[in-house]
Protein backbone atom coordinates (compact mmCIF):
# COMPACT_ATOMS: atom_id res chain seq x y z
CA MET A 1 168.48 51.98 116.28
CA HIS A 2 165.47 50.90 114.31
CA SER A 3 165.44 47.45 115.88
CA PHE A 4 165.31 49.07 119.32
CA ARG A 5 162.41 51.35 118.39
CA THR A 6 160.50 48.47 116.80
CA ALA A 7 161.04 46.28 119.84
CA ALA A 8 160.17 49.07 122.26
CA ALA A 9 156.99 49.85 120.36
CA ALA A 10 156.02 46.19 120.48
CA VAL A 11 156.74 45.91 124.21
CA PHE A 12 154.74 49.03 124.97
CA ALA A 13 151.79 47.92 122.84
CA ALA A 14 151.78 44.61 124.66
CA SER A 15 151.93 46.33 128.04
CA ILE A 16 148.66 48.24 127.73
CA ALA A 17 145.10 47.24 127.07
CA VAL A 18 144.78 48.05 123.37
CA ASP A 19 142.85 45.99 120.87
CA ALA A 20 145.27 46.24 117.96
CA PRO A 21 143.61 45.52 114.63
CA THR A 22 145.05 42.61 112.72
CA SER A 23 143.96 43.97 109.35
CA PRO A 24 143.03 47.41 107.98
CA THR A 25 139.52 48.55 107.22
CA ASN A 26 140.35 48.31 103.55
CA SER A 27 141.76 44.83 102.98
CA GLN A 28 143.85 46.15 100.07
CA LEU A 29 146.01 48.26 102.36
CA PRO A 30 149.21 46.75 103.80
CA VAL A 31 149.62 46.07 107.52
CA ALA A 32 152.99 46.34 109.26
CA GLY A 33 154.21 42.96 110.46
CA ILE A 34 151.92 41.13 108.04
CA SER A 35 152.42 42.60 104.58
CA ASN A 36 155.70 41.97 102.75
CA ILE A 37 155.71 45.46 101.23
CA TYR A 38 157.75 46.84 104.12
CA ASN A 39 160.43 44.26 103.37
CA ASP A 40 160.26 43.87 99.59
CA TYR A 41 159.31 47.34 98.33
CA ARG A 42 161.89 48.64 95.83
CA SER A 43 160.42 51.84 94.40
CA ILE A 44 161.65 55.33 95.20
CA THR A 45 158.00 56.40 95.49
CA PRO A 46 157.02 56.27 99.17
CA PRO A 47 155.12 53.14 100.26
CA TYR A 48 151.79 53.32 102.08
CA PRO A 49 151.01 55.21 104.23
CA GLY A 50 153.86 57.51 103.25
CA ASN A 51 152.06 58.22 99.98
CA GLU A 52 148.94 59.48 101.79
CA THR A 53 150.19 62.38 103.84
CA GLU A 54 147.05 64.34 104.72
CA PRO A 55 145.58 64.17 108.23
CA ILE A 56 142.93 61.45 108.56
CA PHE A 57 139.87 62.95 110.19
CA PRO A 58 137.78 61.06 112.76
CA LYS A 59 135.13 58.78 111.30
CA SER A 60 132.86 58.99 114.34
CA ASN A 61 132.05 61.33 117.22
CA GLY A 62 132.64 58.91 120.08
CA THR A 63 135.05 59.21 122.98
CA ALA A 64 138.71 59.19 122.04
CA GLY A 65 140.61 56.02 122.78
CA PRO A 66 142.62 56.00 126.03
CA ASP A 67 145.92 55.95 124.16
CA ASP A 68 145.05 58.09 121.12
CA LEU A 69 147.10 61.06 122.34
CA LEU A 70 150.10 58.84 122.97
CA TYR A 71 150.02 57.44 119.43
CA GLN A 72 149.35 60.85 117.92
CA ASN A 73 152.68 61.97 119.41
CA LEU A 74 154.39 58.83 118.14
CA LEU A 75 152.90 59.19 114.67
CA SER A 76 153.93 62.84 114.40
CA ALA A 77 157.48 61.96 115.43
CA GLU A 78 157.60 59.10 112.94
CA TRP A 79 156.49 61.38 110.09
CA ALA A 80 159.67 63.41 110.65
CA ILE A 81 161.82 60.27 110.64
CA PHE A 82 160.07 58.90 107.55
CA SER A 83 160.53 62.19 105.70
CA PHE A 84 164.22 62.22 106.60
CA TYR A 85 164.76 58.71 105.25
CA GLN A 86 162.60 59.32 102.19
CA GLN A 87 164.72 62.34 101.30
CA GLY A 88 167.69 60.01 101.68
CA VAL A 89 166.07 57.47 99.34
CA GLU A 90 165.81 60.14 96.69
CA ARG A 91 169.48 61.10 97.11
CA CYS A 92 171.24 57.86 98.04
CA SER A 93 170.60 54.28 99.12
CA LEU A 94 168.34 54.45 102.18
CA LEU A 95 165.44 52.42 100.79
CA ARG A 96 165.46 49.82 103.55
CA LEU A 97 165.26 52.44 106.30
CA SER A 98 162.39 54.18 104.53
CA GLN A 99 160.52 50.87 104.33
CA LEU A 100 160.91 50.28 108.05
CA SER A 101 159.76 53.79 108.89
CA ALA A 102 156.68 53.42 106.65
CA GLY A 103 155.84 50.27 108.59
CA HIS A 104 156.07 52.24 111.83
CA LEU A 105 153.73 54.88 110.38
CA GLN A 106 151.14 52.22 109.58
CA SER A 107 151.49 50.64 113.03
CA PHE A 108 150.95 53.93 114.85
CA GLN A 109 148.05 54.95 112.61
CA SER A 110 146.34 51.65 113.33
CA GLN A 111 146.50 52.27 117.09
CA ILE A 112 144.59 55.58 116.89
CA SER A 113 140.86 55.03 117.17
CA ASP A 114 138.38 56.20 114.55
CA ASN A 115 137.21 58.81 117.06
CA SER A 116 140.48 60.75 116.84
CA LEU A 117 142.44 62.48 114.11
CA LYS A 118 145.52 60.79 112.69
CA PRO A 119 148.20 63.48 112.17
CA GLY A 120 149.45 64.14 108.65
CA LEU A 121 152.86 64.96 107.22
CA CYS A 122 154.61 68.32 107.52
CA LYS A 123 157.33 69.52 105.18
CA TYR A 124 160.80 69.32 106.63
CA ALA A 125 164.17 70.96 105.98
CA PHE A 126 166.89 68.89 107.64
CA GLY A 127 169.87 70.92 106.47
CA VAL A 128 171.82 67.82 105.45
CA THR A 129 174.77 68.82 103.27
CA ASN A 130 177.33 66.09 103.97
CA ALA A 131 177.85 62.79 105.75
CA GLN A 132 178.55 64.45 109.10
CA SER A 133 175.36 66.53 109.10
CA PHE A 134 173.42 63.43 108.04
CA VAL A 135 174.67 61.51 111.08
CA VAL A 136 173.95 64.47 113.38
CA THR A 137 170.35 64.78 112.22
CA LEU A 138 169.81 61.02 112.23
CA THR A 139 171.09 60.87 115.80
CA LEU A 140 168.72 63.58 117.01
CA LEU A 141 165.66 62.08 115.31
CA GLU A 142 166.35 58.56 116.50
CA ILE A 143 167.23 59.66 120.03
CA ALA A 144 163.98 61.62 120.26
CA SER A 145 161.97 58.60 119.14
CA MET A 146 163.88 56.03 121.22
CA THR A 147 163.80 58.12 124.38
CA PHE A 148 160.09 58.72 124.01
CA LEU A 149 159.39 55.02 123.48
CA THR A 150 161.66 54.00 126.34
CA GLY A 151 159.80 56.32 128.70
CA LEU A 152 156.48 54.92 127.56
CA VAL A 153 157.60 51.32 128.02
CA GLN A 154 158.83 52.12 131.52
CA GLN A 155 155.59 53.89 132.40
CA ALA A 156 153.57 50.96 131.06
CA ASN A 157 155.49 48.73 133.45
CA THR A 158 154.70 51.12 136.36
CA LEU A 159 158.24 52.49 136.59
CA LYS A 160 157.00 56.00 137.14
CA THR A 161 159.50 57.57 139.53
CA ARG A 162 162.45 59.61 138.38
CA ALA A 163 164.82 57.13 140.00
CA ASP A 164 163.54 54.46 137.61
CA THR A 165 163.60 56.42 134.36
CA SER A 166 166.54 57.79 132.40
CA PHE A 167 164.72 60.93 131.26
CA PRO A 168 161.05 61.20 132.22
CA CYS A 169 160.35 64.54 130.48
CA VAL A 170 160.15 62.86 127.10
CA ASN A 171 158.01 65.50 125.40
CA GLN A 172 160.82 68.01 125.86
CA ILE A 173 162.98 65.87 123.58
CA LEU A 174 160.21 65.42 121.03
CA ASP A 175 159.90 69.22 120.91
CA THR A 176 163.48 69.46 119.61
CA THR A 177 162.36 67.83 116.33
CA ASN A 178 160.05 70.78 115.59
CA GLN A 179 163.10 72.74 114.44
CA PHE A 180 163.01 70.84 111.13
CA ILE A 181 159.41 71.76 110.21
CA ILE A 182 159.20 74.30 107.38
CA PRO A 183 157.10 77.27 108.60
CA GLY A 184 153.61 77.21 107.18
CA SER A 185 153.69 73.51 106.31
CA TYR A 186 152.18 72.18 109.54
CA PRO A 187 148.71 70.84 108.64
CA GLN A 188 146.10 73.04 110.30
CA ALA A 189 144.08 69.99 111.28
CA ASN A 190 146.99 68.33 113.08
CA PRO A 191 146.95 68.37 116.88
CA GLU A 192 149.73 70.22 118.66
CA TYR A 193 152.97 68.26 118.63
CA PRO A 194 154.09 67.18 121.04
CA TYR A 195 151.16 67.39 123.40
CA PRO A 196 151.47 68.61 126.03
CA ASN A 197 154.21 71.03 124.99
CA GLN A 198 155.91 73.31 127.50
CA HIS A 199 157.42 75.50 124.75
CA LEU A 200 160.66 75.84 126.69
CA PRO A 201 163.61 77.79 125.28
CA GLN A 202 165.71 75.48 123.09
CA SER A 203 169.35 75.03 123.98
CA THR A 204 172.42 73.07 122.96
CA TYR A 205 176.11 73.19 123.82
CA ASN A 206 178.86 75.22 122.22
CA PRO A 207 180.48 72.81 119.71
CA LYS A 208 183.62 74.98 119.47
CA THR A 209 184.57 74.29 123.07
CA ASN A 210 187.98 72.85 123.90
CA SER A 211 186.34 70.69 126.54
CA SER A 212 186.11 66.95 125.87
CA LEU A 213 182.55 67.10 127.28
CA THR A 214 183.19 64.10 129.49
CA SER A 215 182.89 63.69 133.26
CA ASN A 216 184.18 66.63 135.34
CA THR A 217 184.60 68.95 132.34
CA GLU A 218 182.90 72.25 131.62
CA ILE A 219 179.98 72.60 129.22
CA GLU A 220 178.72 75.91 127.82
CA TYR A 221 175.07 76.21 126.85
CA ILE A 222 173.94 78.29 123.88
CA PHE A 223 170.35 79.17 123.04
CA ALA A 224 168.68 78.96 119.62
CA THR A 225 165.66 80.83 120.98
CA PRO A 226 165.49 83.67 123.51
CA PRO A 227 166.93 82.36 126.80
CA PRO A 228 164.90 82.12 129.98
CA ALA A 229 164.31 85.26 132.00
CA TRP A 230 166.73 84.52 134.84
CA GLU A 231 165.72 85.84 138.25
CA ASP A 232 168.52 87.71 140.03
CA GLY A 233 169.77 85.82 143.06
CA LYS A 234 167.86 82.65 142.25
CA PRO A 235 169.91 79.47 141.86
CA TYR A 236 169.56 77.35 138.72
CA TYR A 237 170.76 73.86 137.98
CA VAL A 238 171.42 71.51 135.12
CA ILE A 239 169.97 68.10 135.84
CA PHE A 240 172.02 65.52 133.98
CA PHE A 241 170.33 62.22 133.17
CA HIS A 242 172.56 59.27 132.28
CA GLU A 243 171.37 55.67 132.35
CA LEU A 244 169.34 55.44 135.58
CA LEU A 245 171.13 58.35 137.25
CA ASN A 246 170.20 62.00 137.54
CA ILE A 247 172.60 64.47 139.09
CA SER A 248 172.04 68.21 139.64
CA MET A 249 174.89 70.65 139.04
CA PRO A 250 174.90 74.45 139.63
CA PHE A 251 174.35 76.50 136.46
CA ASN A 252 176.06 79.88 136.02
CA THR A 253 173.56 82.17 134.30
CA LYS A 254 176.26 84.79 133.61
CA THR A 255 178.48 82.46 131.58
CA ASN A 256 175.84 79.82 130.72
CA THR A 257 178.20 77.13 131.98
CA THR A 258 178.16 74.15 134.32
CA THR A 259 180.24 71.02 134.92
CA ILE A 260 179.31 67.56 133.67
CA PRO A 261 179.06 65.24 136.69
CA ASN A 262 181.43 62.36 137.33
CA PHE A 263 179.75 59.55 135.46
CA LYS A 264 181.94 56.47 135.79
CA LEU A 265 181.08 55.30 132.29
CA ASN A 266 181.74 57.91 129.59
CA LYS A 267 179.61 56.17 127.00
CA GLY A 268 176.07 56.58 125.72
CA LEU A 269 173.56 59.40 125.98
CA ILE A 270 173.61 62.23 128.52
CA VAL A 271 170.62 64.57 128.68
CA GLY A 272 170.96 67.89 130.50
CA VAL A 273 167.93 70.07 131.25
CA ILE A 274 168.05 73.43 133.04
CA ALA A 275 165.71 73.72 136.02
CA ASP A 276 165.16 75.98 139.01
CA THR A 277 164.99 73.07 141.46
CA PRO A 278 167.51 70.25 142.05
CA GLY A 279 166.33 67.03 140.45
CA ALA A 280 163.59 68.84 138.48
CA PRO A 281 160.93 67.02 140.53
CA THR A 282 158.03 68.40 138.47
CA LEU A 283 157.67 69.48 134.85
CA ASP A 284 157.09 73.11 135.77
CA THR A 285 160.56 73.34 137.34
CA GLY A 286 162.17 73.00 133.91
CA VAL A 287 163.21 76.33 132.38
CA ALA A 288 165.08 75.33 129.19
CA GLY A 289 164.87 72.40 126.82
CA PRO A 290 167.32 69.50 126.93
CA VAL A 291 170.87 69.30 125.64
CA LEU A 292 171.82 65.92 124.19
CA ILE A 293 175.41 64.70 124.46
CA ILE A 294 176.58 61.50 122.79
CA GLU A 295 179.46 60.24 124.93
CA GLN A 296 182.43 58.18 123.81
CA PRO A 297 185.49 57.20 125.88
CA ALA A 298 187.68 59.58 123.88
CA GLY A 299 185.20 62.42 124.26
CA ALA A 300 181.77 63.50 123.09
CA LYS A 301 180.72 63.87 119.49
CA LYS A 302 180.75 67.64 119.08
CA HIS A 303 178.00 69.04 116.93
CA VAL A 304 175.08 71.43 117.22
CA MET A 305 171.78 69.56 117.53
CA ILE A 306 169.30 72.42 117.30
């Protein structure tokens, strides 16, 4: 997963007009892709910039860079991933993954201009108690990051229509990572994450279902936050995104159920978002945050991801 995110970040950076610095302002600080620290570091103590977690305030009052907001979102997402791996370093052998994530932090920080704030670290509670919950949380964090980067790469290459993107509403997935932030720990100086944020109700599927959660089977939604205020008589849909496809299926607001479409290949990621319009043609048609389903030929991995 990390190799994909690293490659996607590189492709996106190369696809837009950004003057990426080749060295930091302070020559003593390591630079991802140049310094060996992100390959050779062996201490449990977090490597730079994971050891400097406060927001970095703007150094000048000029106009924000054209891609500052984009990299603020990426940096905030990477802080969550870094914190997850760093907690793993302190409990078991995840040093290499922590090194890679620290390198991503440095890369994203370097892309934010001195006219904009660089978000700092929150405190996170991931609820990891065993190997299964570790894999569940890892999957959610990495999917959020990979999906966001994939959407950005596609947009940078002018693939902007819904037919060309697997899930264009990427900020909705980033919003699912906010569940891990410990209340009161979000730095006051940090910008809203993600931005823009629709603050949609958060949903997942019922993991106790007898359904295999594959094509043509029923899926029941459950809500971790108050559900949407359904309008009587108004139709609602779940728009399922899988690979380059998106298919709208009727959603029963009485039972919170729908049917997974007939995807010929029952493998990979399916994203289902509830909307009041088939295809969810605009962001404002979405009414509940996405459900993520990891498909396998024998059936989906069943776990709660909120």
